[in-house]
N, C-alpha and C. Protein backbone atom coordinates (compact mmCIF):
# COMPACT_ATOMS: atom_id res chain seq x y z
N MET A 1 104.23 65.70 117.70
CA MET A 1 103.52 66.95 117.74
C MET A 1 103.35 67.50 116.32
N LYS A 2 104.41 67.39 115.54
CA LYS A 2 104.36 67.88 114.17
C LYS A 2 103.35 67.08 113.36
N LYS A 3 103.24 65.78 113.65
CA LYS A 3 102.30 64.92 112.94
C LYS A 3 100.87 65.37 113.20
N TYR A 4 100.55 65.73 114.44
CA TYR A 4 99.20 66.18 114.77
C TYR A 4 98.88 67.52 114.12
N PHE A 5 99.87 68.39 114.05
CA PHE A 5 99.67 69.67 113.38
C PHE A 5 99.36 69.48 111.91
N LEU A 6 100.11 68.60 111.23
CA LEU A 6 99.85 68.32 109.82
C LEU A 6 98.48 67.68 109.63
N LEU A 7 98.10 66.79 110.51
CA LEU A 7 96.79 66.15 110.43
C LEU A 7 95.67 67.17 110.63
N ALA A 8 95.83 68.06 111.60
CA ALA A 8 94.82 69.09 111.86
C ALA A 8 94.71 70.07 110.69
N SER A 9 95.84 70.47 110.12
CA SER A 9 95.80 71.40 108.99
C SER A 9 95.19 70.74 107.76
N ALA A 10 95.45 69.45 107.54
CA ALA A 10 94.83 68.75 106.42
C ALA A 10 93.32 68.64 106.62
N PHE A 11 92.89 68.41 107.86
CA PHE A 11 91.47 68.33 108.15
C PHE A 11 90.78 69.67 107.93
N LEU A 12 91.44 70.76 108.36
CA LEU A 12 90.87 72.09 108.13
C LEU A 12 90.81 72.42 106.65
N ALA A 13 91.82 72.04 105.90
CA ALA A 13 91.80 72.27 104.46
C ALA A 13 90.67 71.49 103.81
N PHE A 14 90.42 70.28 104.29
CA PHE A 14 89.32 69.48 103.76
C PHE A 14 87.97 70.13 104.07
N LEU A 15 87.85 70.71 105.27
CA LEU A 15 86.60 71.38 105.63
C LEU A 15 86.37 72.64 104.82
N LEU A 16 87.42 73.37 104.52
CA LEU A 16 87.29 74.62 103.77
C LEU A 16 87.20 74.40 102.27
N LEU A 17 87.52 73.24 101.79
CA LEU A 17 87.51 72.96 100.36
C LEU A 17 86.14 73.16 99.73
N PRO A 18 85.04 72.70 100.32
CA PRO A 18 83.75 72.92 99.68
C PRO A 18 83.39 74.39 99.54
N ALA A 19 83.85 75.25 100.43
CA ALA A 19 83.54 76.67 100.33
C ALA A 19 84.23 77.29 99.12
N THR A 20 85.36 76.75 98.71
CA THR A 20 86.08 77.33 97.59
C THR A 20 85.84 76.58 96.29
N ALA A 21 85.05 75.52 96.32
CA ALA A 21 84.86 74.72 95.12
C ALA A 21 84.10 75.46 94.04
N ASP A 22 83.17 76.35 94.43
CA ASP A 22 82.39 77.08 93.44
C ASP A 22 83.13 78.27 92.87
N ALA A 23 84.19 78.70 93.51
CA ALA A 23 84.92 79.87 93.05
C ALA A 23 85.66 79.55 91.75
N VAL A 24 85.54 80.48 90.82
CA VAL A 24 86.21 80.31 89.53
C VAL A 24 87.54 81.05 89.61
N CYS A 25 88.63 80.31 89.51
CA CYS A 25 89.95 80.91 89.57
C CYS A 25 90.60 80.82 88.20
N THR A 26 91.00 81.93 87.70
CA THR A 26 91.71 81.96 86.43
C THR A 26 93.02 82.69 86.64
N PHE A 27 93.99 82.33 85.85
CA PHE A 27 95.30 82.95 85.95
C PHE A 27 95.39 84.05 84.90
N LYS A 28 95.77 85.24 85.32
CA LYS A 28 95.84 86.37 84.40
C LYS A 28 97.30 86.69 84.10
N PHE A 29 97.58 86.90 82.83
CA PHE A 29 98.88 87.39 82.40
C PHE A 29 98.71 88.82 81.93
N GLU A 30 99.49 89.70 82.49
CA GLU A 30 99.47 91.09 82.06
C GLU A 30 100.91 91.55 81.93
N ASN A 31 101.18 92.29 80.89
CA ASN A 31 102.51 92.85 80.65
C ASN A 31 103.58 91.76 80.58
N LEU A 32 103.30 90.74 79.83
CA LEU A 32 104.23 89.65 79.58
C LEU A 32 104.70 88.97 80.87
N GLY A 33 103.79 88.77 81.79
CA GLY A 33 104.10 88.03 83.01
C GLY A 33 104.63 88.88 84.15
N ILE A 34 104.77 90.17 83.95
CA ILE A 34 105.27 91.01 85.03
C ILE A 34 104.22 91.12 86.13
N ASN A 35 102.96 91.26 85.74
CA ASN A 35 101.86 91.35 86.69
C ASN A 35 101.00 90.11 86.55
N ALA A 36 101.39 89.03 87.12
CA ALA A 36 100.62 87.79 87.03
C ALA A 36 100.05 87.45 88.40
N GLY A 37 98.82 86.97 88.41
CA GLY A 37 98.23 86.62 89.69
C GLY A 37 96.90 85.93 89.51
N PHE A 38 96.39 85.37 90.58
CA PHE A 38 95.10 84.71 90.56
C PHE A 38 94.02 85.73 90.91
N ASP A 39 92.88 85.66 90.21
CA ASP A 39 91.81 86.60 90.49
C ASP A 39 90.68 85.98 91.31
N CYS A 40 90.92 84.89 92.00
CA CYS A 40 89.86 84.22 92.76
C CYS A 40 89.88 84.60 94.23
N VAL A 41 90.74 85.49 94.64
CA VAL A 41 90.84 85.84 96.05
C VAL A 41 89.54 86.47 96.54
N ASP A 42 88.95 87.38 95.76
CA ASP A 42 87.70 88.01 96.17
C ASP A 42 86.56 87.01 96.25
N ALA A 43 86.50 86.08 95.30
CA ALA A 43 85.43 85.09 95.31
C ALA A 43 85.54 84.17 96.53
N ILE A 44 86.75 83.75 96.85
CA ILE A 44 86.95 82.89 98.02
C ILE A 44 86.61 83.65 99.30
N ARG A 45 87.03 84.91 99.37
CA ARG A 45 86.75 85.71 100.56
C ARG A 45 85.24 85.92 100.72
N ASP A 46 84.53 86.19 99.64
CA ASP A 46 83.09 86.40 99.71
C ASP A 46 82.35 85.15 100.17
N GLU A 47 82.74 84.00 99.66
CA GLU A 47 82.05 82.76 100.01
C GLU A 47 82.39 82.29 101.42
N SER A 48 83.58 82.58 101.90
CA SER A 48 83.97 82.12 103.22
C SER A 48 83.51 83.05 104.33
N GLY A 49 83.08 84.27 103.97
CA GLY A 49 82.61 85.21 104.97
C GLY A 49 83.71 86.05 105.60
N ILE A 50 84.92 85.94 105.08
CA ILE A 50 86.02 86.74 105.60
C ILE A 50 85.82 88.18 105.14
N LYS A 51 85.91 89.11 106.07
CA LYS A 51 85.72 90.51 105.71
C LYS A 51 87.00 91.10 105.16
N LYS A 52 86.83 92.00 104.22
CA LYS A 52 87.98 92.68 103.64
C LYS A 52 88.50 93.73 104.62
N VAL A 53 89.80 93.78 104.79
CA VAL A 53 90.42 94.77 105.68
C VAL A 53 90.38 96.12 104.97
N PRO A 54 89.84 97.14 105.64
CA PRO A 54 89.76 98.44 104.98
C PRO A 54 91.14 99.06 104.78
N GLU A 55 91.24 99.83 103.73
CA GLU A 55 92.47 100.55 103.46
C GLU A 55 92.63 101.67 104.49
N PRO A 56 93.85 102.10 104.76
CA PRO A 56 94.05 103.20 105.72
C PRO A 56 93.34 104.49 105.30
N ILE A 57 93.28 104.75 104.00
CA ILE A 57 92.62 105.98 103.55
C ILE A 57 91.13 105.91 103.83
N ASP A 58 90.54 104.70 103.78
CA ASP A 58 89.12 104.55 104.09
C ASP A 58 88.85 104.84 105.56
N LEU A 59 89.77 104.45 106.43
CA LEU A 59 89.62 104.74 107.86
C LEU A 59 89.71 106.24 108.13
N VAL A 60 90.63 106.91 107.44
CA VAL A 60 90.77 108.36 107.60
C VAL A 60 89.51 109.07 107.10
N ILE A 61 88.99 108.64 105.95
CA ILE A 61 87.79 109.25 105.41
C ILE A 61 86.60 109.04 106.35
N THR A 62 86.47 107.85 106.89
CA THR A 62 85.38 107.58 107.84
C THR A 62 85.51 108.45 109.07
N PHE A 63 86.73 108.57 109.60
CA PHE A 63 86.95 109.43 110.76
C PHE A 63 86.58 110.87 110.46
N LEU A 64 87.00 111.39 109.30
CA LEU A 64 86.69 112.78 108.95
C LEU A 64 85.19 112.99 108.78
N ASN A 65 84.52 112.03 108.15
CA ASN A 65 83.07 112.15 107.97
C ASN A 65 82.34 112.16 109.31
N VAL A 66 82.75 111.31 110.22
CA VAL A 66 82.13 111.28 111.55
C VAL A 66 82.41 112.58 112.30
N ALA A 67 83.64 113.07 112.23
CA ALA A 67 84.00 114.30 112.94
C ALA A 67 83.23 115.50 112.38
N LEU A 68 83.13 115.58 111.05
CA LEU A 68 82.40 116.70 110.45
C LEU A 68 80.91 116.62 110.74
N THR A 69 80.37 115.41 110.79
CA THR A 69 78.95 115.25 111.12
C THR A 69 78.68 115.68 112.56
N LEU A 70 79.55 115.26 113.48
CA LEU A 70 79.40 115.67 114.87
C LEU A 70 79.53 117.18 115.03
N ALA A 71 80.46 117.79 114.30
CA ALA A 71 80.64 119.24 114.36
C ALA A 71 79.39 119.96 113.84
N ALA A 72 78.79 119.43 112.77
CA ALA A 72 77.57 120.04 112.23
C ALA A 72 76.42 119.91 113.23
N ILE A 73 76.30 118.77 113.88
CA ILE A 73 75.24 118.59 114.88
C ILE A 73 75.43 119.57 116.04
N ILE A 74 76.66 119.73 116.48
CA ILE A 74 76.94 120.66 117.58
C ILE A 74 76.63 122.09 117.15
N ALA A 75 76.96 122.45 115.91
CA ALA A 75 76.67 123.80 115.42
C ALA A 75 75.17 124.05 115.34
N VAL A 76 74.41 123.08 114.90
CA VAL A 76 72.95 123.24 114.84
C VAL A 76 72.37 123.36 116.25
N ILE A 77 72.86 122.56 117.18
CA ILE A 77 72.39 122.67 118.57
C ILE A 77 72.73 124.06 119.12
N GLY A 78 73.92 124.56 118.83
CA GLY A 78 74.29 125.91 119.25
C GLY A 78 73.40 126.97 118.63
N LEU A 79 73.02 126.78 117.37
CA LEU A 79 72.13 127.71 116.69
C LEU A 79 70.75 127.73 117.35
N VAL A 80 70.24 126.55 117.68
CA VAL A 80 68.93 126.46 118.33
C VAL A 80 68.97 127.09 119.72
N ILE A 81 70.00 126.80 120.48
CA ILE A 81 70.10 127.37 121.84
C ILE A 81 70.22 128.89 121.77
N SER A 82 71.05 129.41 120.86
CA SER A 82 71.20 130.85 120.73
C SER A 82 69.91 131.50 120.26
N GLY A 83 69.19 130.85 119.38
CA GLY A 83 67.90 131.37 118.95
C GLY A 83 66.90 131.42 120.09
N PHE A 84 66.91 130.39 120.92
CA PHE A 84 66.03 130.36 122.08
C PHE A 84 66.41 131.48 123.06
N ARG A 85 67.71 131.68 123.26
CA ARG A 85 68.15 132.76 124.16
C ARG A 85 67.77 134.13 123.62
N TYR A 86 67.83 134.29 122.31
CA TYR A 86 67.45 135.57 121.70
C TYR A 86 65.95 135.82 121.87
N MET A 87 65.16 134.75 121.69
CA MET A 87 63.71 134.91 121.82
C MET A 87 63.31 135.19 123.27
N THR A 88 64.05 134.68 124.23
CA THR A 88 63.70 134.86 125.64
C THR A 88 64.49 135.97 126.31
N ALA A 89 65.22 136.78 125.54
CA ALA A 89 66.01 137.87 126.13
C ALA A 89 65.08 138.91 126.75
N GLY A 90 63.94 139.12 126.18
CA GLY A 90 62.92 139.97 126.75
C GLY A 90 63.24 141.44 126.83
N GLY A 91 64.17 141.99 126.29
CA GLY A 91 64.49 143.40 126.38
C GLY A 91 65.85 143.64 126.99
N ASN A 92 66.48 142.60 127.49
CA ASN A 92 67.82 142.71 128.04
C ASN A 92 68.80 142.74 126.87
N GLU A 93 69.39 143.91 126.65
CA GLU A 93 70.26 144.11 125.49
C GLU A 93 71.51 143.23 125.53
N SER A 94 72.10 143.04 126.70
CA SER A 94 73.32 142.24 126.77
C SER A 94 73.02 140.77 126.44
N GLN A 95 71.88 140.25 126.91
CA GLN A 95 71.50 138.87 126.58
C GLN A 95 71.21 138.73 125.10
N ALA A 96 70.55 139.72 124.50
CA ALA A 96 70.23 139.69 123.08
C ALA A 96 71.52 139.74 122.24
N GLU A 97 72.48 140.55 122.67
CA GLU A 97 73.76 140.63 121.94
C GLU A 97 74.53 139.31 122.02
N LYS A 98 74.55 138.70 123.19
CA LYS A 98 75.21 137.40 123.33
C LYS A 98 74.55 136.36 122.44
N ALA A 99 73.22 136.39 122.39
CA ALA A 99 72.49 135.43 121.54
C ALA A 99 72.77 135.69 120.06
N LYS A 100 72.84 136.97 119.66
CA LYS A 100 73.15 137.30 118.26
C LYS A 100 74.54 136.80 117.87
N HIS A 101 75.49 136.99 118.78
CA HIS A 101 76.85 136.50 118.52
C HIS A 101 76.86 134.97 118.42
N GLY A 102 76.11 134.29 119.28
CA GLY A 102 76.03 132.83 119.22
C GLY A 102 75.43 132.35 117.91
N ILE A 103 74.40 133.05 117.43
CA ILE A 103 73.79 132.69 116.13
C ILE A 103 74.79 132.91 115.01
N MET A 104 75.48 134.04 115.07
CA MET A 104 76.47 134.34 114.02
C MET A 104 77.59 133.30 114.00
N TYR A 105 78.09 132.93 115.18
CA TYR A 105 79.17 131.94 115.24
C TYR A 105 78.71 130.56 114.79
N ALA A 106 77.48 130.20 115.11
CA ALA A 106 76.96 128.90 114.68
C ALA A 106 76.82 128.85 113.17
N ILE A 107 76.35 129.94 112.57
CA ILE A 107 76.21 129.98 111.10
C ILE A 107 77.58 129.95 110.44
N ILE A 108 78.55 130.69 110.99
CA ILE A 108 79.91 130.65 110.44
C ILE A 108 80.48 129.23 110.57
N GLY A 109 80.22 128.58 111.69
CA GLY A 109 80.69 127.20 111.88
C GLY A 109 80.09 126.26 110.85
N LEU A 110 78.79 126.41 110.56
CA LEU A 110 78.15 125.56 109.55
C LEU A 110 78.74 125.80 108.16
N VAL A 111 79.05 127.06 107.85
CA VAL A 111 79.66 127.36 106.55
C VAL A 111 81.05 126.73 106.46
N VAL A 112 81.83 126.85 107.52
CA VAL A 112 83.18 126.25 107.53
C VAL A 112 83.09 124.73 107.42
N ILE A 113 82.13 124.13 108.10
CA ILE A 113 81.96 122.68 108.01
C ILE A 113 81.58 122.28 106.59
N GLY A 114 80.69 123.05 105.96
CA GLY A 114 80.30 122.76 104.57
C GLY A 114 81.49 122.85 103.62
N ILE A 115 82.33 123.87 103.81
CA ILE A 115 83.53 124.00 102.98
C ILE A 115 84.49 122.83 103.25
N SER A 116 84.60 122.42 104.51
CA SER A 116 85.46 121.28 104.86
C SER A 116 84.99 119.99 104.20
N VAL A 117 83.68 119.78 104.17
CA VAL A 117 83.13 118.59 103.51
C VAL A 117 83.48 118.62 102.03
N ALA A 118 83.35 119.79 101.40
CA ALA A 118 83.69 119.90 99.97
C ALA A 118 85.17 119.61 99.73
N ILE A 119 86.03 120.11 100.59
CA ILE A 119 87.48 119.88 100.43
C ILE A 119 87.80 118.40 100.64
N VAL A 120 87.21 117.77 101.65
CA VAL A 120 87.46 116.35 101.89
C VAL A 120 87.01 115.52 100.69
N ASN A 121 85.82 115.81 100.15
CA ASN A 121 85.34 115.07 98.98
C ASN A 121 86.24 115.29 97.77
N LEU A 122 86.75 116.50 97.59
CA LEU A 122 87.65 116.78 96.47
C LEU A 122 88.96 116.00 96.61
N VAL A 123 89.51 115.96 97.82
CA VAL A 123 90.76 115.23 98.05
C VAL A 123 90.53 113.73 97.87
N VAL A 124 89.41 113.21 98.36
CA VAL A 124 89.13 111.79 98.24
C VAL A 124 88.99 111.39 96.78
N ARG A 125 88.30 112.19 96.01
CA ARG A 125 88.16 111.87 94.57
C ARG A 125 89.50 111.91 93.84
N SER A 126 90.38 112.81 94.26
CA SER A 126 91.68 112.89 93.59
C SER A 126 92.60 111.72 94.00
N LEU A 127 92.40 111.16 95.21
CA LEU A 127 93.23 110.05 95.65
C LEU A 127 92.78 108.72 95.08
N LYS A 128 91.50 108.58 94.80
CA LYS A 128 91.01 107.28 94.31
C LYS A 128 90.98 107.19 92.84
């Protein structure tokens, strides 16, 4: 069984060898050998089609961007609905007041979302 595993792994290595043949690998010495490593990992990954695993901070940033975008869309929809209700209130003061409050809350929500986007961008720039 072990013999077949070694044979299969050698065959796979032979198949993958042409994909890495064009990659230029150089050995880097930095800080007198403390930080030594090969710099061909990105080239091999690009040629083989392997996707880079995103960093956890990138996942958090993507989640926040999606959440803030959805919140902005909901606030704009609320603004449009409240504007429509205000236009169709027709003289009913209680309906007009409810619509005015809805417009005010939607605008406040958009301002808060805008400030949140600015804070997220500031934190992201400071982390990277």
